[in-house]
PDB file of N, CA and C in Angstrom:
ATOM      1  N   MET A   1      96.322  33.052 -70.751  1.00  0.00           N
ATOM      2  CA  MET A   1      95.463  33.346 -71.535  1.00  0.00           C
ATOM      3  C   MET A   1      94.039  32.822 -71.176  1.00  0.00           C
ATOM      4  N   LYS A   2      92.633  33.809 -70.605  1.00  0.00           N
ATOM      5  CA  LYS A   2      91.536  33.236 -70.633  1.00  0.00           C
ATOM      6  C   LYS A   2      90.315  32.930 -71.473  1.00  0.00           C
ATOM      7  N   PRO A   3      89.667  31.545 -71.265  1.00  0.00           N
ATOM      8  CA  PRO A   3      88.872  31.545 -72.396  1.00  0.00           C
ATOM      9  C   PRO A   3      88.358  32.393 -71.746  1.00  0.00           C
ATOM     10  N   ASN A   4      87.634  32.335 -73.613  1.00  0.00           N
ATOM     11  CA  ASN A   4      86.457  32.861 -74.005  1.00  0.00           C
ATOM     12  C   ASN A   4      85.207  32.444 -74.445  1.00  0.00           C
ATOM     13  N   HIS A   5      83.772  32.582 -73.161  1.00  0.00           N
ATOM     14  CA  HIS A   5      82.896  31.627 -73.044  1.00  0.00           C
ATOM     15  C   HIS A   5      81.678  32.468 -73.761  1.00  0.00           C
ATOM     16  N   SER A   6      82.106  33.927 -74.274  1.00  0.00           N
ATOM     17  CA  SER A   6      80.958  33.987 -75.258  1.00  0.00           C
ATOM     18  C   SER A   6      80.599  33.443 -76.491  1.00  0.00           C
ATOM     19  N   SER A   7      81.508  32.748 -76.672  1.00  0.00           N
ATOM     20  CA  SER A   7      81.885  32.023 -77.829  1.00  0.00           C
ATOM     21  C   SER A   7      81.198  30.058 -78.014  1.00  0.00           C
ATOM     22  N   LEU A   8      80.817  30.210 -76.295  1.00  0.00           N
ATOM     23  CA  LEU A   8      80.510  28.831 -76.444  1.00  0.00           C
ATOM     24  C   LEU A   8      78.962  28.990 -76.037  1.00  0.00           C
ATOM     25  N   VAL A   9      78.563  29.666 -76.567  1.00  0.00           N
ATOM     26  CA  VAL A   9      76.583  29.898 -76.012  1.00  0.00           C
ATOM     27  C   VAL A   9      75.843  29.742 -77.890  1.00  0.00           C
ATOM     28  N   VAL A  10      75.452  28.774 -78.422  1.00  0.00           N
ATOM     29  CA  VAL A  10      74.825  28.213 -79.136  1.00  0.00           C
ATOM     30  C   VAL A  10      73.803  28.810 -79.672  1.00  0.00           C
ATOM     31  N   GLN A  11      73.757  30.129 -80.312  1.00  0.00           N
ATOM     32  CA  GLN A  11      72.310  30.346 -81.283  1.00  0.00           C
ATOM     33  C   GLN A  11      71.158  30.056 -81.834  1.00  0.00           C
ATOM     34  N   PRO A  12      70.526  29.753 -81.731  1.00  0.00           N
ATOM     35  CA  PRO A  12      68.906  29.005 -82.608  1.00  0.00           C
ATOM     36  C   PRO A  12      69.651  29.797 -83.926  1.00  0.00           C
ATOM     37  N   SER A  13      69.280  29.035 -84.656  1.00  0.00           N
ATOM     38  CA  SER A  13      68.592  29.919 -86.190  1.00  0.00           C
ATOM     39  C   SER A  13      67.834  30.161 -86.282  1.00  0.00           C
ATOM     40  N   ARG A  14      67.537  31.538 -87.324  1.00  0.00           N
ATOM     41  CA  ARG A  14      66.297  32.209 -87.419  1.00  0.00           C
ATOM     42  C   ARG A  14      65.059  30.337 -87.792  1.00  0.00           C
ATOM     43  N   SER A  15      65.177  30.381 -88.848  1.00  0.00           N
ATOM     44  CA  SER A  15      64.304  28.398 -89.084  1.00  0.00           C
ATOM     45  C   SER A  15      63.592  28.005 -87.838  1.00  0.00           C
ATOM     46  N   SER A  16      64.143  27.113 -87.251  1.00  0.00           N
ATOM     47  CA  SER A  16      63.707  26.839 -85.768  1.00  0.00           C
ATOM     48  C   SER A  16      63.376  27.639 -84.422  1.00  0.00           C
ATOM     49  N   LEU A  17      63.477  28.752 -85.180  1.00  0.00           N
ATOM     50  CA  LEU A  17      63.342  29.756 -83.840  1.00  0.00           C
ATOM     51  C   LEU A  17      61.243  29.365 -84.388  1.00  0.00           C
ATOM     52  N   LEU A  18      61.724  29.346 -85.629  1.00  0.00           N
ATOM     53  CA  LEU A  18      59.741  29.735 -86.232  1.00  0.00           C
ATOM     54  C   LEU A  18      59.069  28.149 -86.194  1.00  0.00           C
ATOM     55  N   VAL A  19      59.859  27.260 -86.297  1.00  0.00           N
ATOM     56  CA  VAL A  19      58.782  26.411 -86.392  1.00  0.00           C
ATOM     57  C   VAL A  19      58.772  25.966 -85.011  1.00  0.00           C
ATOM     58  N   TRP A  20      59.407  26.251 -83.987  1.00  0.00           N
ATOM     59  CA  TRP A  20      59.457  26.121 -82.689  1.00  0.00           C
ATOM     60  C   TRP A  20      57.721  27.013 -82.450  1.00  0.00           C
ATOM     61  N   MET A  21      57.935  28.649 -82.401  1.00  0.00           N
ATOM     62  CA  MET A  21      57.066  29.022 -82.461  1.00  0.00           C
ATOM     63  C   MET A  21      55.978  28.582 -83.346  1.00  0.00           C
ATOM     64  N   LEU A  22      56.532  28.490 -84.590  1.00  0.00           N
ATOM     65  CA  LEU A  22      54.829  28.026 -84.883  1.00  0.00           C
ATOM     66  C   LEU A  22      54.336  26.506 -84.498  1.00  0.00           C
ATOM     67  N   LEU A  23      55.118  25.573 -83.746  1.00  0.00           N
ATOM     68  CA  LEU A  23      54.665  24.219 -83.117  1.00  0.00           C
ATOM     69  C   LEU A  23      53.977  25.049 -81.582  1.00  0.00           C
ATOM     70  N   CYS A  24      54.618  25.711 -81.065  1.00  0.00           N
ATOM     71  CA  CYS A  24      53.564  26.395 -79.951  1.00  0.00           C
ATOM     72  C   CYS A  24      52.096  26.767 -79.801  1.00  0.00           C
ATOM     73  N   LEU A  25      51.815  27.509 -81.337  1.00  0.00           N
ATOM     74  CA  LEU A  25      50.938  28.328 -81.783  1.00  0.00           C
ATOM     75  C   LEU A  25      49.703  27.184 -81.804  1.00  0.00           C
ATOM     76  N   ILE A  26      50.244  26.396 -82.712  1.00  0.00           N
ATOM     77  CA  ILE A  26      49.989  24.441 -82.992  1.00  0.00           C
ATOM     78  C   ILE A  26      48.838  24.226 -81.902  1.00  0.00           C
ATOM     79  N   VAL A  27      49.841  23.462 -80.979  1.00  0.00           N
ATOM     80  CA  VAL A  27      49.382  23.856 -79.379  1.00  0.00           C
ATOM     81  C   VAL A  27      48.454  23.826 -78.805  1.00  0.00           C
ATOM     82  N   ALA A  28      48.533  25.625 -78.545  1.00  0.00           N
ATOM     83  CA  ALA A  28      48.148  26.300 -77.672  1.00  0.00           C
ATOM     84  C   ALA A  28      46.480  26.168 -78.450  1.00  0.00           C
ATOM     85  N   LEU A  29      46.486  26.509 -80.226  1.00  0.00           N
ATOM     86  CA  LEU A  29      44.801  26.159 -80.796  1.00  0.00           C
ATOM     87  C   LEU A  29      44.491  24.897 -80.594  1.00  0.00           C
ATOM     88  N   ALA A  30      45.072  23.823 -80.116  1.00  0.00           N
ATOM     89  CA  ALA A  30      44.645  22.441 -80.188  1.00  0.00           C
ATOM     90  C   ALA A  30      44.187  22.506 -78.688  1.00  0.00           C
ATOM     91  N   LEU A  31      44.654  23.628 -77.817  1.00  0.00           N
ATOM     92  CA  LEU A  31      43.626  22.854 -76.419  1.00  0.00           C
ATOM     93  C   LEU A  31      42.673  24.226 -76.365  1.00  0.00           C
ATOM     94  N   ALA A  32      42.932  25.127 -76.894  1.00  0.00           N
ATOM     95  CA  ALA A  32      41.538  26.336 -77.264  1.00  0.00           C
ATOM     96  C   ALA A  32      40.819  25.709 -77.172  1.00  0.00           C
ATOM     97  N   THR A  33      40.561  24.503 -78.400  1.00  0.00           N
ATOM     98  CA  THR A  33      39.631  24.322 -79.335  1.00  0.00           C
ATOM     99  C   THR A  33      39.201  22.806 -78.030  1.00  0.00           C
ATOM    100  N   LEU A  34      39.828  22.091 -77.405  1.00  0.00           N
ATOM    101  CA  LEU A  34      39.347  21.367 -77.271  1.00  0.00           C
ATOM    102  C   LEU A  34      38.717  21.913 -75.998  1.00  0.00           C
ATOM    103  N   ILE A  35      39.293  23.124 -75.375  1.00  0.00           N
ATOM    104  CA  ILE A  35      38.199  23.640 -73.687  1.00  0.00           C
ATOM    105  C   ILE A  35      37.002  24.765 -74.188  1.00  0.00           C
ATOM    106  N   ILE A  36      37.002  25.156 -75.179  1.00  0.00           N
ATOM    107  CA  ILE A  36      35.811  26.396 -75.709  1.00  0.00           C
ATOM    108  C   ILE A  36      34.782  25.474 -76.641  1.00  0.00           C
ATOM    109  N   GLU A  37      35.568  24.108 -77.469  1.00  0.00           N
ATOM    110  CA  GLU A  37      34.386  23.612 -78.336  1.00  0.00           C
ATOM    111  C   GLU A  37      33.533  22.723 -77.552  1.00  0.00           C
ATOM    112  N   PRO A  38      33.810  21.842 -76.344  1.00  0.00           N
ATOM    113  CA  PRO A  38      32.453  21.321 -75.862  1.00  0.00           C
ATOM    114  C   PRO A  38      31.449  21.808 -75.820  1.00  0.00           C
ATOM    115  N   GLY A  39      31.153  23.197 -75.149  1.00  0.00           N
ATOM    116  CA  GLY A  39      30.748  24.145 -74.313  1.00  0.00           C
ATOM    117  C   GLY A  39      29.682  24.329 -75.487  1.00  0.00           C
ATOM    118  N   LEU A  40      30.580  25.036 -76.933  1.00  0.00           N
ATOM    119  CA  LEU A  40      29.567  25.323 -77.788  1.00  0.00           C
ATOM    120  C   LEU A  40      28.817  24.409 -78.482  1.00  0.00           C
ATOM    121  N   ALA A  41      29.298  22.949 -78.479  1.00  0.00           N
ATOM    122  CA  ALA A  41      28.490  22.686 -79.238  1.00  0.00           C
ATOM    123  C   ALA A  41      27.347  21.684 -78.685  1.00  0.00           C
ATOM    124  N   GLN A  42      27.497  21.509 -77.228  1.00  0.00           N
ATOM    125  CA  GLN A  42      27.084  20.612 -76.657  1.00  0.00           C
ATOM    126  C   GLN A  42      25.376  21.418 -76.412  1.00  0.00           C
ATOM    127  N   GLN A  43      24.166  20.816 -76.949  1.00  0.00           N
ATOM    128  CA  GLN A  43      22.909  21.088 -76.727  1.00  0.00           C
ATOM    129  C   GLN A  43      22.073  20.876 -75.898  1.00  0.00           C
ATOM    130  N   LYS A  44      21.348  21.633 -75.244  1.00  0.00           N
ATOM    131  CA  LYS A  44      20.866  20.402 -74.072  1.00  0.00           C
ATOM    132  C   LYS A  44      19.036  20.440 -74.330  1.00  0.00           C
ATOM    133  N   LEU A  45      18.869  18.687 -74.670  1.00  0.00           N
ATOM    134  CA  LEU A  45      17.181  18.795 -74.941  1.00  0.00           C
ATOM    135  C   LEU A  45      15.980  17.984 -74.755  1.00  0.00           C
ATOM    136  N   THR A  46      15.086  18.006 -74.023  1.00  0.00           N
ATOM    137  CA  THR A  46      13.773  17.314 -73.635  1.00  0.00           C
ATOM    138  C   THR A  46      13.765  16.248 -74.077  1.00  0.00           C
ATOM    139  N   ALA A  47      13.738  15.444 -73.070  1.00  0.00           N
ATOM    140  CA  ALA A  47      13.128  13.999 -73.808  1.00  0.00           C
ATOM    141  C   ALA A  47      12.175  14.093 -75.057  1.00  0.00           C
ATOM    142  N   ALA A  48      11.951  14.839 -75.308  1.00  0.00           N
ATOM    143  CA  ALA A  48      10.416  15.122 -76.047  1.00  0.00           C
ATOM    144  C   ALA A  48      11.258  15.318 -77.766  1.00  0.00           C
ATOM    145  N   GLU A  49      12.213  16.521 -77.462  1.00  0.00           N
ATOM    146  CA  GLU A  49      12.879  17.054 -78.677  1.00  0.00           C
ATOM    147  C   GLU A  49      13.658  15.728 -79.180  1.00  0.00           C
ATOM    148  N   ALA A  50      14.358  15.142 -78.444  1.00  0.00           N
ATOM    149  CA  ALA A  50      16.129  14.065 -78.820  1.00  0.00           C
ATOM    150  C   ALA A  50      14.755  13.275 -80.056  1.00  0.00           C
ATOM    151  N   LYS A  51      13.994  12.877 -80.508  1.00  0.00           N
ATOM    152  CA  LYS A  51      13.713  12.383 -81.520  1.00  0.00           C
ATOM    153  C   LYS A  51      13.807  13.237 -82.852  1.00  0.00           C
ATOM    154  N   ASP A  52      13.963  14.507 -82.924  1.00  0.00           N
ATOM    155  CA  ASP A  52      14.348  15.034 -83.821  1.00  0.00           C
ATOM    156  C   ASP A  52      16.042  15.681 -84.225  1.00  0.00           C
ATOM    157  N   HIS A  53      16.844  14.649 -82.985  1.00  0.00           N
ATOM    158  CA  HIS A  53      17.901  15.513 -83.012  1.00  0.00           C
ATOM    159  C   HIS A  53      18.590  13.704 -83.463  1.00  0.00           C
ATOM    160  N   VAL A  54      17.820  12.834 -84.368  1.00  0.00           N
ATOM    161  CA  VAL A  54      19.249  12.381 -84.435  1.00  0.00           C
ATOM    162  C   VAL A  54      20.915  11.705 -85.076  1.00  0.00           C
ATOM    163  N   GLY A  55      21.058  11.591 -84.424  1.00  0.00           N
ATOM    164  CA  GLY A  55      23.127  11.688 -85.418  1.00  0.00           C
ATOM    165  C   GLY A  55      23.734  12.346 -84.867  1.00  0.00           C
ATOM    166  N   GLU A  56      23.244  13.505 -83.563  1.00  0.00           N
ATOM    167  CA  GLU A  56      23.946  14.648 -83.712  1.00  0.00           C
ATOM    168  C   GLU A  56      23.689  14.564 -81.869  1.00  0.00           C
ATOM    169  N   THR A  57      25.317  15.001 -81.091  1.00  0.00           N
ATOM    170  CA  THR A  57      25.097  15.179 -79.978  1.00  0.00           C
ATOM    171  C   THR A  57      25.243  16.255 -78.994  1.00  0.00           C
ATOM    172  N   ALA A  58      24.264  15.316 -78.098  1.00  0.00           N
ATOM    173  CA  ALA A  58      23.031  16.425 -76.979  1.00  0.00           C
ATOM    174  C   ALA A  58      23.517  16.117 -75.546  1.00  0.00           C
ATOM    175  N   THR A  59      23.125  16.346 -74.992  1.00  0.00           N
ATOM    176  CA  THR A  59      22.559  16.614 -74.008  1.00  0.00           C
ATOM    177  C   THR A  59      20.903  16.254 -74.011  1.00  0.00           C
ATOM    178  N   ILE A  60      20.085  15.056 -72.972  1.00  0.00           N
ATOM    179  CA  ILE A  60      19.053  14.930 -73.381  1.00  0.00           C
ATOM    180  C   ILE A  60      18.855  14.826 -71.601  1.00  0.00           C
ATOM    181  N   CYS A  61      17.729  15.646 -71.261  1.00  0.00           N
ATOM    182  CA  CYS A  61      17.433  16.321 -70.345  1.00  0.00           C
ATOM    183  C   CYS A  61      16.329  15.537 -69.816  1.00  0.00           C
ATOM    184  N   GLY A  62      15.349  14.528 -68.570  1.00  0.00           N
ATOM    185  CA  GLY A  62      14.165  14.332 -68.094  1.00  0.00           C
ATOM    186  C   GLY A  62      14.738  13.502 -66.882  1.00  0.00           C
ATOM    187  N   ASN A  63      13.408  12.703 -66.734  1.00  0.00           N
ATOM    188  CA  ASN A  63      13.447  11.916 -65.493  1.00  0.00           C
ATOM    189  C   ASN A  63      13.791  10.455 -66.221  1.00  0.00           C
ATOM    190  N   VAL A  64      13.825   9.903 -64.987  1.00  0.00           N
ATOM    191  CA  VAL A  64      13.847   8.676 -65.263  1.00  0.00           C
ATOM    192  C   VAL A  64      13.118   7.674 -64.858  1.00  0.00           C
ATOM    193  N   VAL A  65      12.152   6.856 -65.662  1.00  0.00           N
ATOM    194  CA  VAL A  65      11.783   6.673 -65.223  1.00  0.00           C
ATOM    195  C   VAL A  65      11.120   5.113 -65.492  1.00  0.00           C
ATOM    196  N   SER A  66      11.654   4.370 -66.870  1.00  0.00           N
ATOM    197  CA  SER A  66      12.220   3.294 -66.567  1.00  0.00           C
ATOM    198  C   SER A  66      13.353   2.287 -66.938  1.00  0.00           C
ATOM    199  N   SER A  67      13.936   1.334 -66.850  1.00  0.00           N
ATOM    200  CA  SER A  67      14.976   1.014 -67.524  1.00  0.00           C
ATOM    201  C   SER A  67      15.019  -0.370 -67.546  1.00  0.00           C
ATOM    202  N   ARG A  68      15.854  -0.621 -68.944  1.00  0.00           N
ATOM    203  CA  ARG A  68      15.954  -2.317 -68.886  1.00  0.00           C
ATOM    204  C   ARG A  68      17.271  -2.860 -69.703  1.00  0.00           C
ATOM    205  N   TYR A  69      17.768  -3.630 -68.995  1.00  0.00           N
ATOM    206  CA  TYR A  69      19.298  -3.997 -69.263  1.00  0.00           C
ATOM    207  C   TYR A  69      19.467  -5.020 -70.535  1.00  0.00           C
ATOM    208  N   ALA A  70      19.559  -5.407 -71.169  1.00  0.00           N
ATOM    209  CA  ALA A  70      19.135  -5.875 -72.396  1.00  0.00           C
ATOM    210  C   ALA A  70      20.363  -6.922 -72.622  1.00  0.00           C
ATOM    211  N   ASP A  71      20.867  -7.535 -71.558  1.00  0.00           N
ATOM    212  CA  ASP A  71      22.184  -8.577 -71.329  1.00  0.00           C
ATOM    213  C   ASP A  71      22.594  -9.716 -72.567  1.00  0.00           C
ATOM    214  N   SER A  72      21.068  -9.527 -72.657  1.00  0.00           N
ATOM    215  CA  SER A  72      21.161 -11.146 -74.513  1.00  0.00           C
ATOM    216  C   SER A  72      21.394  -9.663 -75.846  1.00  0.00           C
ATOM    217  N   THR A  73      21.528  -9.224 -75.607  1.00  0.00           N
ATOM    218  CA  THR A  73      21.499  -8.495 -76.730  1.00  0.00           C
ATOM    219  C   THR A  73      23.059  -7.551 -76.941  1.00  0.00           C
ATOM    220  N   LYS A  74      23.267  -7.452 -78.631  1.00  0.00           N
ATOM    221  CA  LYS A  74      24.717  -7.226 -78.746  1.00  0.00           C
ATOM    222  C   LYS A  74      25.430  -5.969 -78.090  1.00  0.00           C
ATOM    223  N   GLY A  75      26.531  -6.005 -77.303  1.00  0.00           N
ATOM    224  CA  GLY A  75      26.725  -5.090 -76.576  1.00  0.00           C
ATOM    225  C   GLY A  75      26.461  -5.376 -75.150  1.00  0.00           C
ATOM    226  N   GLN A  76      25.442  -5.578 -75.244  1.00  0.00           N
ATOM    227  CA  GLN A  76      24.676  -5.626 -73.977  1.00  0.00           C
ATOM    228  C   GLN A  76      23.908  -3.636 -72.805  1.00  0.00           C
ATOM    229  N   PRO A  77      23.806  -3.590 -73.755  1.00  0.00           N
ATOM    230  CA  PRO A  77      22.894  -2.058 -73.949  1.00  0.00           C
ATOM    231  C   PRO A  77      22.026  -1.743 -73.073  1.00  0.00           C
ATOM    232  N   THR A  78      21.799  -0.405 -72.092  1.00  0.00           N
ATOM    233  CA  THR A  78      20.717  -0.459 -71.003  1.00  0.00           C
ATOM    234  C   THR A  78      19.955   1.167 -71.374  1.00  0.00           C
ATOM    235  N   PHE A  79      18.478   0.143 -71.161  1.00  0.00           N
ATOM    236  CA  PHE A  79      18.386   1.507 -72.456  1.00  0.00           C
ATOM    237  C   PHE A  79      17.729   1.952 -71.269  1.00  0.00           C
ATOM    238  N   LEU A  80      17.216   3.682 -71.096  1.00  0.00           N
ATOM    239  CA  LEU A  80      16.932   4.388 -69.883  1.00  0.00           C
ATOM    240  C   LEU A  80      15.373   5.680 -71.129  1.00  0.00           C
ATOM    241  N   ASN A  81      14.694   5.152 -70.334  1.00  0.00           N
ATOM    242  CA  ASN A  81      12.712   5.881 -70.582  1.00  0.00           C
ATOM    243  C   ASN A  81      12.540   6.933 -70.010  1.00  0.00           C
ATOM    244  N   LEU A  82      13.014   8.050 -70.133  1.00  0.00           N
ATOM    245  CA  LEU A  82      13.016   9.142 -70.131  1.00  0.00           C
ATOM    246  C   LEU A  82      11.107   9.651 -69.657  1.00  0.00           C
ATOM    247  N   ASP A  83      10.976   9.987 -68.622  1.00  0.00           N
ATOM    248  CA  ASP A  83       9.842  11.012 -68.989  1.00  0.00           C
ATOM    249  C   ASP A  83       8.503  10.260 -68.800  1.00  0.00           C
ATOM    250  N   LYS A  84       8.493   9.344 -69.381  1.00  0.00           N
ATOM    251  CA  LYS A  84       7.344   8.701 -69.655  1.00  0.00           C
ATOM    252  C   LYS A  84       7.849   7.015 -69.998  1.00  0.00           C
ATOM    253  N   PRO A  85       7.208   6.249 -69.781  1.00  0.00           N
ATOM    254  CA  PRO A  85       7.180   4.678 -69.659  1.00  0.00           C
ATOM    255  C   PRO A  85       7.372   4.249 -70.515  1.00  0.00           C
ATOM    256  N   TYR A  86       8.327   3.379 -72.154  1.00  0.00           N
ATOM    257  CA  TYR A  86       7.828   3.218 -72.930  1.00  0.00           C
ATOM    258  C   TYR A  86       6.676   2.226 -73.523  1.00  0.00           C
ATOM    259  N   ARG A  87       6.293   2.337 -74.649  1.00  0.00           N
ATOM    260  CA  ARG A  87       4.641   2.330 -75.576  1.00  0.00           C
ATOM    261  C   ARG A  87       5.072  -0.229 -75.295  1.00  0.00           C
ATOM    262  N   SER A  88       4.263  -0.971 -74.731  1.00  0.00           N
ATOM    263  CA  SER A  88       3.600  -2.082 -74.802  1.00  0.00           C
ATOM    264  C   SER A  88       3.394  -2.542 -75.943  1.00  0.00           C
ATOM    265  N   ALA A  89       4.228  -3.091 -76.393  1.00  0.00           N
ATOM    266  CA  ALA A  89       3.807  -3.954 -77.573  1.00  0.00           C
ATOM    267  C   ALA A  89       2.549  -4.996 -78.109  1.00  0.00           C
TER     268      ALA A  89
END
């Protein structure tokens, strides 16, 4: 007698298929958000407009006219002055 191979196929349950489809949907939405959202949220501002957007994320466009590397300051930041030099004290 030959074995019946059709009885060896395991059918996933309906609930496991729904969980799998939900997981795929969540991953697809997360990827779409990562791809689309940065382009929508990114603003391009001039150096003069930047002062009105403190705390926001944006791209500031301008010519670098001077810079200063503050090696003795915490974090060692580099300051870039766009379009006009920083006023002297």
